[in-house]
Amino acid sequence: QVQVVESGGGLVQPGGSLRLSCSASGSVSRLNGMAWHRQVPGKQRELVGMVTYGGRVIYADSAKGRFIISRDNAKNTIYLQMGTLKPEDTAVYYCKAMVGTSTYWGQGTKVTVSS
């Protein structure tokens, strides 16, 4: 079994920054990569970006230039550093761990960008 836990969400003003963390634990010996997604009520969950175990990082267009994903393989943890936040970045941010052929999701952490 794999547990995925996100943290770091909250309220931030437009133009501000926020860092989210996500850790995977349990049976993670075949961890292939981890990813961040986000979802707004009534809309589909969308990819923000992902990082492979080898370190390749892929960003969605909405995240390029403003968000940075980094990883700590020793801790099975990834981070999402978000900058120049906009109200449209308001969403629940979910972390996903890809282990072997299985996918595990965290419970999500809410980010609200508002003045």
C-alpha atoms as a PDB file:
ATOM      1  CA  GLN A   1       0.000   0.000   0.000  1.00  0.00           C
ATOM      2  CA  VAL A   2       1.127   3.511  -0.782  1.00  0.00           C
ATOM      3  CA  GLN A   3       0.181   6.662   1.077  1.00  0.00           C
ATOM      4  CA  VAL A   4       0.406  10.068  -0.548  1.00  0.00           C
ATOM      5  CA  VAL A   5       0.141  13.183   1.584  1.00  0.00           C
ATOM      6  CA  GLU A   6       0.148  16.792   0.423  1.00  0.00           C
ATOM      7  CA  SER A   7       0.679  19.868   2.546  1.00  0.00           C
ATOM      8  CA  GLY A   8       1.248  23.592   2.215  1.00  0.00           C
ATOM      9  CA  GLY A   9      -2.011  24.932   0.825  1.00  0.00           C
ATOM     10  CA  GLY A  10      -3.675  28.064   2.058  1.00  0.00           C
ATOM     11  CA  LEU A  11      -4.748  31.594   1.244  1.00  0.00           C
ATOM     12  CA  VAL A  12      -2.368  33.838  -0.662  1.00  0.00           C
ATOM     13  CA  GLN A  13      -2.746  37.222  -2.300  1.00  0.00           C
ATOM     14  CA  PRO A  14      -2.483  37.654  -6.069  1.00  0.00           C
ATOM     15  CA  GLY A  15       1.159  37.936  -7.074  1.00  0.00           C
ATOM     16  CA  GLY A  16       2.257  35.974  -4.046  1.00  0.00           C
ATOM     17  CA  SER A  17       4.057  32.672  -3.677  1.00  0.00           C
ATOM     18  CA  LEU A  18       3.332  29.357  -2.059  1.00  0.00           C
ATOM     19  CA  ARG A  19       5.141  26.036  -1.783  1.00  0.00           C
ATOM     20  CA  LEU A  20       3.360  22.712  -1.663  1.00  0.00           C
ATOM     21  CA  SER A  21       4.924  19.448  -0.539  1.00  0.00           C
ATOM     22  CA  CYS A  22       3.979  15.877  -1.301  1.00  0.00           C
ATOM     23  CA  SER A  23       5.407  12.729   0.245  1.00  0.00           C
ATOM     24  CA  ALA A  24       4.846   9.137  -0.741  1.00  0.00           C
ATOM     25  CA  SER A  25       5.350   6.349   1.772  1.00  0.00           C
ATOM     26  CA  GLY A  26       4.733   2.632   2.109  1.00  0.00           C
ATOM     27  CA  SER A  27       5.519   0.259  -0.740  1.00  0.00           C
ATOM     28  CA  VAL A  28       7.342   2.769  -2.936  1.00  0.00           C
ATOM     29  CA  SER A  29      10.343   0.723  -4.062  1.00  0.00           C
ATOM     30  CA  ARG A  30       9.120   0.951  -7.673  1.00  0.00           C
ATOM     31  CA  LEU A  31       8.278   4.636  -7.591  1.00  0.00           C
ATOM     32  CA  ASN A  32       8.504   5.853 -11.194  1.00  0.00           C
ATOM     33  CA  GLY A  33       7.519   9.438 -10.769  1.00  0.00           C
ATOM     34  CA  MET A  34       5.231  11.901  -9.075  1.00  0.00           C
ATOM     35  CA  ALA A  35       2.983  14.616 -10.381  1.00  0.00           C
ATOM     36  CA  TRP A  36       0.879  17.591  -9.387  1.00  0.00           C
ATOM     37  CA  HIS A  37      -2.643  18.082 -10.664  1.00  0.00           C
ATOM     38  CA  ARG A  38      -5.296  20.607  -9.748  1.00  0.00           C
ATOM     39  CA  GLN A  39      -9.055  20.731  -9.890  1.00  0.00           C
ATOM     40  CA  VAL A  40     -11.647  23.451  -9.737  1.00  0.00           C
ATOM     41  CA  PRO A  41     -15.230  22.464  -8.811  1.00  0.00           C
ATOM     42  CA  GLY A  42     -17.161  21.530 -11.910  1.00  0.00           C
ATOM     43  CA  LYS A  43     -14.073  21.087 -14.035  1.00  0.00           C
ATOM     44  CA  GLN A  44     -11.802  18.191 -14.878  1.00  0.00           C
ATOM     45  CA  ARG A  45      -8.640  17.603 -12.937  1.00  0.00           C
ATOM     46  CA  GLU A  46      -5.711  18.965 -14.926  1.00  0.00           C
ATOM     47  CA  LEU A  47      -2.004  18.304 -14.914  1.00  0.00           C
ATOM     48  CA  VAL A  48       0.233  20.993 -13.453  1.00  0.00           C
ATOM     49  CA  GLY A  49       3.493  19.141 -13.899  1.00  0.00           C
ATOM     50  CA  MET A  50       5.335  15.955 -13.192  1.00  0.00           C
ATOM     51  CA  VAL A  51       8.803  14.682 -12.402  1.00  0.00           C
ATOM     52  CA  THR A  52      10.178  11.277 -13.237  1.00  0.00           C
ATOM     53  CA  TYR A  53      12.394   9.354 -10.838  1.00  0.00           C
ATOM     54  CA  GLY A  54      15.260  10.131 -13.202  1.00  0.00           C
ATOM     55  CA  GLY A  55      14.636  13.823 -12.770  1.00  0.00           C
ATOM     56  CA  ARG A  56      12.910  14.850 -15.983  1.00  0.00           C
ATOM     57  CA  VAL A  57      10.341  17.571 -15.303  1.00  0.00           C
ATOM     58  CA  ILE A  58       7.363  18.318 -17.516  1.00  0.00           C
ATOM     59  CA  TYR A  59       5.119  21.346 -17.038  1.00  0.00           C
ATOM     60  CA  ALA A  60       1.678  22.179 -18.304  1.00  0.00           C
ATOM     61  CA  ASP A  61       1.515  25.430 -20.260  1.00  0.00           C
ATOM     62  CA  SER A  62      -0.342  27.104 -17.381  1.00  0.00           C
ATOM     63  CA  ALA A  63       2.607  26.417 -15.071  1.00  0.00           C
ATOM     64  CA  LYS A  64       5.551  27.247 -17.307  1.00  0.00           C
ATOM     65  CA  GLY A  65       7.553  30.207 -16.092  1.00  0.00           C
ATOM     66  CA  ARG A  66       5.700  30.539 -12.781  1.00  0.00           C
ATOM     67  CA  PHE A  67       5.857  27.145 -11.108  1.00  0.00           C
ATOM     68  CA  ILE A  68       8.845  24.971 -10.301  1.00  0.00           C
ATOM     69  CA  ILE A  69       8.710  21.293  -9.394  1.00  0.00           C
ATOM     70  CA  SER A  70      11.606  19.801  -7.490  1.00  0.00           C
ATOM     71  CA  ARG A  71      12.181  16.460  -5.841  1.00  0.00           C
ATOM     72  CA  ASP A  72      14.020  14.752  -3.049  1.00  0.00           C
ATOM     73  CA  ASN A  73      14.341  11.116  -4.028  1.00  0.00           C
ATOM     74  CA  ALA A  74      15.733  10.118  -0.639  1.00  0.00           C
ATOM     75  CA  LYS A  75      12.504  11.303   0.973  1.00  0.00           C
ATOM     76  CA  ASN A  76      10.168  10.307  -1.877  1.00  0.00           C
ATOM     77  CA  THR A  77       8.989  13.872  -1.790  1.00  0.00           C
ATOM     78  CA  ILE A  78       8.252  16.462  -4.437  1.00  0.00           C
ATOM     79  CA  TYR A  79       7.628  20.144  -4.096  1.00  0.00           C
ATOM     80  CA  LEU A  80       5.627  22.644  -6.101  1.00  0.00           C
ATOM     81  CA  GLN A  81       6.948  26.167  -5.787  1.00  0.00           C
ATOM     82  CA  MET A  82       4.306  28.509  -7.148  1.00  0.00           C
ATOM     83  CA  GLY A  83       5.023  32.135  -7.916  1.00  0.00           C
ATOM     84  CA  THR A  84       3.169  35.118  -9.361  1.00  0.00           C
ATOM     85  CA  LEU A  85      -0.049  33.457  -8.322  1.00  0.00           C
ATOM     86  CA  LYS A  86      -3.297  34.460  -9.988  1.00  0.00           C
ATOM     87  CA  PRO A  87      -6.905  34.070  -8.864  1.00  0.00           C
ATOM     88  CA  GLU A  88      -7.333  31.462 -11.592  1.00  0.00           C
ATOM     89  CA  ASP A  89      -4.749  29.303  -9.813  1.00  0.00           C
ATOM     90  CA  THR A  90      -7.310  28.779  -7.066  1.00  0.00           C
ATOM     91  CA  ALA A  91      -7.984  25.051  -6.903  1.00  0.00           C
ATOM     92  CA  VAL A  92      -7.476  21.909  -4.907  1.00  0.00           C
ATOM     93  CA  TYR A  93      -4.003  20.648  -5.709  1.00  0.00           C
ATOM     94  CA  TYR A  94      -3.553  16.901  -5.789  1.00  0.00           C
ATOM     95  CA  CYS A  95      -0.371  14.881  -5.791  1.00  0.00           C
ATOM     96  CA  LYS A  96      -0.049  11.614  -7.642  1.00  0.00           C
ATOM     97  CA  ALA A  97       2.521   8.869  -7.164  1.00  0.00           C
ATOM     98  CA  MET A  98       3.176   6.386  -9.951  1.00  0.00           C
ATOM     99  CA  VAL A  99       4.396   3.092  -8.515  1.00  0.00           C
ATOM    100  CA  GLY A 100       4.943   0.250 -10.954  1.00  0.00           C
ATOM    101  CA  THR A 101       1.740   0.148 -12.997  1.00  0.00           C
ATOM    102  CA  SER A 102      -0.386   1.696 -10.238  1.00  0.00           C
ATOM    103  CA  THR A 103      -1.326   5.271  -9.445  1.00  0.00           C
ATOM    104  CA  TYR A 104      -2.000   6.646  -5.982  1.00  0.00           C
ATOM    105  CA  TRP A 105      -3.554  10.012  -5.167  1.00  0.00           C
ATOM    106  CA  GLY A 106      -3.344  12.202  -2.134  1.00  0.00           C
ATOM    107  CA  GLN A 107      -6.336  13.834  -0.502  1.00  0.00           C
ATOM    108  CA  GLY A 108      -5.538  17.255  -1.953  1.00  0.00           C
ATOM    109  CA  THR A 109      -4.616  20.590  -0.480  1.00  0.00           C
ATOM    110  CA  LYS A 110      -6.605  23.730  -1.195  1.00  0.00           C
ATOM    111  CA  VAL A 111      -4.985  26.839  -2.601  1.00  0.00           C
ATOM    112  CA  THR A 112      -6.953  30.064  -2.660  1.00  0.00           C
ATOM    113  CA  VAL A 113      -5.570  33.134  -4.423  1.00  0.00           C
ATOM    114  CA  SER A 114      -7.542  36.166  -3.372  1.00  0.00           C
ATOM    115  CA  SER A 115      -7.115  39.658  -2.001  1.00  0.00           C
END
